[in-house]
Structures are given as C-alpha cells and as structure tokens.
C-alpha cells in the first residue's frame, strides 16, 4: 500500500526543466526580435507549468486515497503511525488529513478523538 517517493518528484522535475527551457528560449528569442519563437517558448513554459500542476494534483489525490483507505481500516490511527504505514512523510499525511477534513471525507473514529493531526 506504499507509494513510491519518486512518483511525484521525477515528473515535477521534468516539467520544471521543460518550463525553464521554454522561458530561456523565450528570453533569447525576445532579445533577438524573433517573436514567433518567443511565443512558442512561452507556450512551452505554460504547458509545462500546467503539466506540473496536474502531476502535483494527481499525487495529492493518490495520497488522499491511500490515507482514506488506511483510515477506513483503523479510524483512530495517529498521524505518525499512519505516515510510517504508508511510507509517506508526516507532513504529507497531515496535509492530506487537512484536505480530507475540509471536504468532510474523514471517517468518524470509533474510540477517543485523536488530536495528533
């Protein structure tokens, strides 16, 4: 039930590199008055930024899904234990719990309330 740590990092780094290349091409093209090439560079940069946003949203949705599945199995589990079980950082789990609570998706705990998150 673990998520590979590079599932998000590698695609985001690739999107960042493509966006940086697009920005550099746009700057060089603008300096040399090649505005069509500048527009292509800006489109490349914008497309890479949108792709990076999509990668981040998909990774967040996957984390939320893993956290929710684990909480359905054991509703009163603590944040640190939950993070260790899912091989995620505690900060990522806390953020996921915040998103899930904001959406009203968290299951009700069976036992005493857990204030660790």
N, C-alpha and C. Protein backbone atom coordinates (compact mmCIF):
# COMPACT_ATOMS: atom_id res chain seq x y z
N UNK A 1 0.82 -1.19 0.00
CA UNK A 1 0.00 0.00 0.00
C UNK A 1 0.86 1.26 0.00
N UNK A 2 2.15 1.11 -0.21
CA UNK A 2 3.03 2.26 -0.21
C UNK A 2 3.08 2.90 -1.58
N UNK A 3 3.45 4.17 -1.60
CA UNK A 3 3.58 4.93 -2.82
C UNK A 3 5.05 5.23 -3.03
N UNK A 4 5.56 5.02 -4.22
CA UNK A 4 6.97 5.24 -4.49
C UNK A 4 7.28 6.73 -4.37
N UNK A 5 8.36 7.12 -3.66
CA UNK A 5 8.63 8.54 -3.43
C UNK A 5 8.96 9.32 -4.70
N UNK A 6 9.40 8.65 -5.77
CA UNK A 6 9.74 9.36 -7.00
C UNK A 6 8.56 9.50 -7.94
N UNK A 7 7.40 9.02 -7.54
CA UNK A 7 6.21 9.10 -8.39
C UNK A 7 5.85 10.55 -8.67
N UNK A 8 6.19 11.45 -7.77
CA UNK A 8 5.88 12.86 -7.93
C UNK A 8 7.12 13.67 -8.28
N UNK A 9 8.25 13.34 -7.71
CA UNK A 9 9.45 14.15 -7.84
C UNK A 9 9.99 14.18 -9.25
N UNK A 10 10.14 13.05 -9.87
CA UNK A 10 10.73 12.98 -11.21
C UNK A 10 9.88 13.72 -12.25
N UNK A 11 8.56 13.47 -12.31
CA UNK A 11 7.77 14.22 -13.30
C UNK A 11 7.75 15.72 -13.03
N UNK A 12 7.73 16.12 -11.76
CA UNK A 12 7.76 17.55 -11.46
C UNK A 12 9.08 18.18 -11.87
N UNK A 13 10.18 17.47 -11.66
CA UNK A 13 11.49 17.98 -12.07
C UNK A 13 11.55 18.09 -13.60
N UNK A 14 10.99 17.12 -14.29
CA UNK A 14 10.97 17.17 -15.76
C UNK A 14 10.14 18.36 -16.24
N UNK A 15 8.99 18.57 -15.63
CA UNK A 15 8.16 19.72 -16.01
C UNK A 15 8.88 21.04 -15.72
N UNK A 16 9.59 21.10 -14.61
CA UNK A 16 10.34 22.30 -14.27
C UNK A 16 11.45 22.57 -15.27
N UNK A 17 12.14 21.53 -15.69
CA UNK A 17 13.22 21.69 -16.69
C UNK A 17 12.66 22.15 -18.03
N UNK A 18 11.55 21.57 -18.45
CA UNK A 18 10.95 21.98 -19.72
C UNK A 18 10.46 23.42 -19.63
N UNK A 19 9.88 23.80 -18.50
CA UNK A 19 9.42 25.18 -18.32
C UNK A 19 10.61 26.15 -18.34
N UNK A 20 11.70 25.78 -17.70
CA UNK A 20 12.89 26.63 -17.70
C UNK A 20 13.46 26.77 -19.10
N UNK A 21 13.49 25.68 -19.87
CA UNK A 21 13.97 25.74 -21.25
C UNK A 21 13.07 26.64 -22.11
N UNK A 22 11.78 26.53 -21.90
CA UNK A 22 10.84 27.39 -22.63
C UNK A 22 11.03 28.84 -22.29
N UNK A 23 11.25 29.13 -21.00
CA UNK A 23 11.48 30.51 -20.58
C UNK A 23 12.79 31.04 -21.16
N UNK A 24 13.84 30.24 -21.13
CA UNK A 24 15.12 30.67 -21.68
C UNK A 24 15.00 30.92 -23.19
N UNK A 25 14.31 30.03 -23.89
CA UNK A 25 14.13 30.22 -25.33
C UNK A 25 13.33 31.49 -25.61
N UNK A 26 12.32 31.77 -24.78
CA UNK A 26 11.51 32.97 -24.96
C UNK A 26 12.33 34.23 -24.74
N UNK A 27 13.19 34.23 -23.74
CA UNK A 27 14.03 35.40 -23.46
C UNK A 27 15.01 35.64 -24.60
N UNK A 28 15.69 34.58 -25.03
CA UNK A 28 16.66 34.71 -26.13
C UNK A 28 15.95 35.17 -27.40
N UNK A 29 14.79 34.60 -27.68
CA UNK A 29 14.05 34.98 -28.88
C UNK A 29 13.55 36.42 -28.80
N UNK A 30 13.13 36.87 -27.64
CA UNK A 30 12.66 38.25 -27.48
C UNK A 30 13.81 39.24 -27.68
N UNK A 31 14.98 38.89 -27.17
CA UNK A 31 16.14 39.77 -27.33
C UNK A 31 16.52 39.89 -28.80
N UNK A 32 16.40 38.81 -29.53
CA UNK A 32 16.79 38.82 -30.94
C UNK A 32 15.60 39.10 -31.87
N UNK A 33 14.52 39.64 -31.35
CA UNK A 33 13.33 40.05 -32.10
C UNK A 33 12.69 38.92 -32.91
N UNK A 34 12.78 37.70 -32.44
CA UNK A 34 12.12 36.56 -33.08
C UNK A 34 10.88 36.24 -32.25
N UNK A 35 9.84 37.03 -32.46
CA UNK A 35 8.67 36.95 -31.59
C UNK A 35 7.85 35.67 -31.77
N UNK A 36 7.90 35.07 -32.92
CA UNK A 36 7.20 33.80 -33.11
C UNK A 36 7.86 32.71 -32.26
N UNK A 37 9.20 32.70 -32.23
CA UNK A 37 9.92 31.74 -31.39
C UNK A 37 9.68 32.06 -29.92
N UNK A 38 9.61 33.35 -29.59
CA UNK A 38 9.31 33.76 -28.21
C UNK A 38 7.95 33.22 -27.78
N UNK A 39 6.96 33.34 -28.66
CA UNK A 39 5.62 32.84 -28.34
C UNK A 39 5.63 31.34 -28.13
N UNK A 40 6.38 30.63 -28.95
CA UNK A 40 6.47 29.17 -28.79
C UNK A 40 7.13 28.82 -27.46
N UNK A 41 8.19 29.55 -27.09
CA UNK A 41 8.85 29.33 -25.81
C UNK A 41 7.91 29.57 -24.64
N UNK A 42 7.11 30.65 -24.75
CA UNK A 42 6.16 30.94 -23.67
C UNK A 42 5.07 29.88 -23.59
N UNK A 43 4.61 29.40 -24.74
CA UNK A 43 3.61 28.31 -24.74
C UNK A 43 4.19 27.04 -24.13
N UNK A 44 5.44 26.76 -24.46
CA UNK A 44 6.11 25.59 -23.88
C UNK A 44 6.23 25.73 -22.37
N UNK A 45 6.60 26.91 -21.92
CA UNK A 45 6.71 27.15 -20.49
C UNK A 45 5.36 27.00 -19.79
N UNK A 46 4.32 27.59 -20.37
CA UNK A 46 2.99 27.48 -19.77
C UNK A 46 2.46 26.06 -19.76
N UNK A 47 2.69 25.34 -20.85
CA UNK A 47 2.25 23.94 -20.91
C UNK A 47 2.95 23.08 -19.88
N UNK A 48 4.25 23.31 -19.71
CA UNK A 48 5.00 22.54 -18.71
C UNK A 48 4.53 22.88 -17.30
N UNK A 49 4.21 24.15 -17.06
CA UNK A 49 3.70 24.54 -15.74
C UNK A 49 2.36 23.87 -15.46
N UNK A 50 1.48 23.85 -16.45
CA UNK A 50 0.18 23.19 -16.28
C UNK A 50 0.34 21.69 -16.07
N UNK A 51 1.27 21.09 -16.80
CA UNK A 51 1.52 19.66 -16.62
C UNK A 51 2.04 19.37 -15.22
N UNK A 52 2.93 20.23 -14.72
CA UNK A 52 3.44 20.08 -13.36
C UNK A 52 2.33 20.20 -12.33
N UNK A 53 1.41 21.13 -12.55
CA UNK A 53 0.26 21.28 -11.66
C UNK A 53 -0.59 20.01 -11.67
N UNK A 54 -0.80 19.44 -12.84
CA UNK A 54 -1.57 18.21 -12.94
C UNK A 54 -0.90 17.05 -12.23
N UNK A 55 0.43 16.96 -12.35
CA UNK A 55 1.18 15.91 -11.66
C UNK A 55 1.03 16.06 -10.15
N UNK A 56 1.15 17.29 -9.67
CA UNK A 56 1.03 17.54 -8.23
C UNK A 56 -0.37 17.20 -7.73
N UNK A 57 -1.39 17.59 -8.48
CA UNK A 57 -2.77 17.29 -8.07
C UNK A 57 -3.04 15.79 -8.06
N UNK A 58 -2.52 15.08 -9.06
CA UNK A 58 -2.71 13.63 -9.12
C UNK A 58 -2.02 12.95 -7.95
N UNK A 59 -0.82 13.42 -7.60
CA UNK A 59 -0.10 12.84 -6.46
C UNK A 59 -0.84 13.12 -5.16
N UNK A 60 -1.39 14.32 -5.02
CA UNK A 60 -2.16 14.64 -3.82
C UNK A 60 -3.41 13.78 -3.73
N UNK A 61 -4.07 13.57 -4.84
CA UNK A 61 -5.27 12.72 -4.85
C UNK A 61 -4.91 11.28 -4.48
N UNK A 62 -3.78 10.80 -4.97
CA UNK A 62 -3.33 9.44 -4.62
C UNK A 62 -3.02 9.34 -3.13
N UNK A 63 -2.35 10.35 -2.58
CA UNK A 63 -2.06 10.36 -1.15
C UNK A 63 -3.35 10.37 -0.35
N UNK A 64 -4.31 11.21 -0.75
CA UNK A 64 -5.59 11.26 -0.05
C UNK A 64 -6.29 9.90 -0.10
N UNK A 65 -6.22 9.24 -1.25
CA UNK A 65 -6.85 7.93 -1.40
C UNK A 65 -6.19 6.90 -0.46
N UNK A 66 -4.86 6.90 -0.40
CA UNK A 66 -4.15 5.97 0.49
C UNK A 66 -4.48 6.23 1.95
N UNK A 67 -4.49 7.50 2.34
CA UNK A 67 -4.80 7.87 3.73
C UNK A 67 -6.22 7.45 4.07
N UNK A 68 -7.16 7.72 3.18
CA UNK A 68 -8.56 7.39 3.43
C UNK A 68 -8.76 5.88 3.54
N UNK A 69 -8.12 5.11 2.66
CA UNK A 69 -8.22 3.65 2.74
C UNK A 69 -7.70 3.15 4.08
N UNK A 70 -6.57 3.68 4.51
CA UNK A 70 -5.97 3.24 5.79
C UNK A 70 -6.84 3.66 6.97
N UNK A 71 -7.44 4.84 6.90
CA UNK A 71 -8.31 5.30 7.99
C UNK A 71 -9.60 4.50 8.06
N UNK A 72 -10.06 3.99 6.94
CA UNK A 72 -11.25 3.13 6.98
C UNK A 72 -10.94 1.80 7.67
N UNK A 73 -9.68 1.35 7.55
CA UNK A 73 -9.27 0.12 8.21
C UNK A 73 -9.10 0.34 9.72
N UNK A 74 -8.54 1.46 10.09
CA UNK A 74 -8.27 1.77 11.51
C UNK A 74 -8.48 3.27 11.74
N UNK A 75 -9.73 3.67 12.06
CA UNK A 75 -10.06 5.09 12.14
C UNK A 75 -9.28 5.89 13.19
N UNK A 76 -8.87 5.32 14.27
CA UNK A 76 -8.23 6.09 15.33
C UNK A 76 -6.71 6.15 15.24
N UNK A 77 -6.14 5.78 14.11
CA UNK A 77 -4.69 5.72 13.98
C UNK A 77 -4.09 7.13 14.02
N UNK A 78 -2.91 7.26 14.62
CA UNK A 78 -2.24 8.55 14.73
C UNK A 78 -1.53 8.93 13.44
N UNK A 79 -1.24 10.20 13.33
CA UNK A 79 -0.61 10.73 12.12
C UNK A 79 0.75 10.11 11.84
N UNK A 80 1.60 10.01 12.85
CA UNK A 80 2.94 9.46 12.65
C UNK A 80 2.90 7.98 12.27
N UNK A 81 2.02 7.23 12.90
CA UNK A 81 1.88 5.81 12.58
C UNK A 81 1.32 5.65 11.17
N UNK A 82 0.36 6.48 10.84
CA UNK A 82 -0.23 6.45 9.50
C UNK A 82 0.83 6.75 8.44
N UNK A 83 1.66 7.74 8.69
CA UNK A 83 2.73 8.08 7.75
C UNK A 83 3.72 6.93 7.61
N UNK A 84 4.08 6.32 8.72
CA UNK A 84 5.03 5.20 8.67
C UNK A 84 4.43 4.01 7.93
N UNK A 85 3.15 3.72 8.17
CA UNK A 85 2.48 2.60 7.49
C UNK A 85 2.42 2.80 5.98
N UNK A 86 2.25 4.06 5.55
CA UNK A 86 2.11 4.35 4.12
C UNK A 86 3.42 4.75 3.47
N UNK A 87 4.50 4.79 4.25
CA UNK A 87 5.83 5.20 3.76
C UNK A 87 5.79 6.60 3.17
N UNK A 88 5.06 7.49 3.86
CA UNK A 88 4.96 8.88 3.46
C UNK A 88 5.54 9.77 4.55
N UNK A 89 5.83 11.00 4.20
CA UNK A 89 6.28 11.95 5.21
C UNK A 89 5.09 12.36 6.09
N UNK A 90 5.32 12.57 7.39
CA UNK A 90 4.22 13.01 8.26
C UNK A 90 3.56 14.31 7.78
N UNK A 91 4.34 15.22 7.22
CA UNK A 91 3.77 16.48 6.72
C UNK A 91 2.80 16.23 5.58
N UNK A 92 3.11 15.28 4.70
CA UNK A 92 2.21 14.94 3.59
C UNK A 92 0.91 14.34 4.12
N UNK A 93 1.02 13.53 5.17
CA UNK A 93 -0.18 12.93 5.76
C UNK A 93 -1.01 13.99 6.46
N UNK A 94 -0.37 14.90 7.18
CA UNK A 94 -1.13 15.99 7.84
C UNK A 94 -1.85 16.85 6.82
N UNK A 95 -1.19 17.17 5.71
CA UNK A 95 -1.82 17.95 4.66
C UNK A 95 -3.00 17.19 4.05
N UNK A 96 -2.81 15.90 3.85
CA UNK A 96 -3.89 15.08 3.32
C UNK A 96 -5.08 15.05 4.30
N UNK A 97 -4.79 14.89 5.58
CA UNK A 97 -5.86 14.90 6.58
C UNK A 97 -6.59 16.25 6.59
N UNK A 98 -5.85 17.32 6.40
CA UNK A 98 -6.48 18.64 6.34
C UNK A 98 -7.42 18.74 5.13
N UNK A 99 -6.95 18.28 3.97
CA UNK A 99 -7.80 18.30 2.77
C UNK A 99 -9.04 17.43 2.97
N UNK A 100 -8.84 16.24 3.53
CA UNK A 100 -9.96 15.32 3.74
C UNK A 100 -10.96 15.87 4.76
N UNK A 101 -10.47 16.51 5.80
CA UNK A 101 -11.39 17.07 6.80
C UNK A 101 -12.14 18.28 6.24
N UNK A 102 -11.46 19.06 5.42
CA UNK A 102 -12.10 20.21 4.80
C UNK A 102 -13.22 19.76 3.86
N UNK A 103 -13.02 18.62 3.19
CA UNK A 103 -14.03 18.09 2.29
C UNK A 103 -15.09 17.25 2.99
N UNK A 104 -14.90 16.99 4.28
CA UNK A 104 -15.84 16.16 5.03
C UNK A 104 -15.73 14.69 4.70
N UNK A 105 -14.55 14.24 4.27
CA UNK A 105 -14.36 12.86 3.84
C UNK A 105 -13.78 11.94 4.90
N UNK A 106 -13.40 12.48 6.04
CA UNK A 106 -12.78 11.65 7.08
C UNK A 106 -13.80 10.77 7.77
N UNK A 107 -13.47 9.49 7.99
CA UNK A 107 -14.39 8.62 8.74
C UNK A 107 -14.36 9.01 10.22
N UNK A 108 -15.46 8.78 10.88
CA UNK A 108 -15.53 9.08 12.31
C UNK A 108 -14.73 8.04 13.09
N UNK A 109 -13.91 8.47 14.07
CA UNK A 109 -13.15 7.50 14.86
C UNK A 109 -14.08 6.69 15.75
N UNK A 110 -13.71 5.42 15.97
CA UNK A 110 -14.50 4.55 16.82
C UNK A 110 -14.27 4.85 18.30
N UNK A 111 -13.03 5.14 18.63
CA UNK A 111 -12.65 5.35 20.02
C UNK A 111 -12.55 6.83 20.35
N UNK A 112 -11.65 7.15 21.32
CA UNK A 112 -11.46 8.54 21.70
C UNK A 112 -10.87 9.35 20.55
N UNK A 113 -11.15 10.64 20.53
CA UNK A 113 -10.69 11.51 19.46
C UNK A 113 -9.18 11.61 19.43
N UNK A 114 -8.61 11.58 18.26
CA UNK A 114 -7.16 11.68 18.08
C UNK A 114 -6.84 13.13 17.70
N UNK A 115 -6.15 13.85 18.53
CA UNK A 115 -5.83 15.25 18.28
C UNK A 115 -4.46 15.43 17.71
N UNK A 116 -3.82 14.35 17.25
CA UNK A 116 -2.45 14.42 16.74
C UNK A 116 -2.39 15.06 15.36
N UNK A 117 -3.47 15.14 14.64
CA UNK A 117 -3.43 15.72 13.31
C UNK A 117 -4.05 17.09 13.38
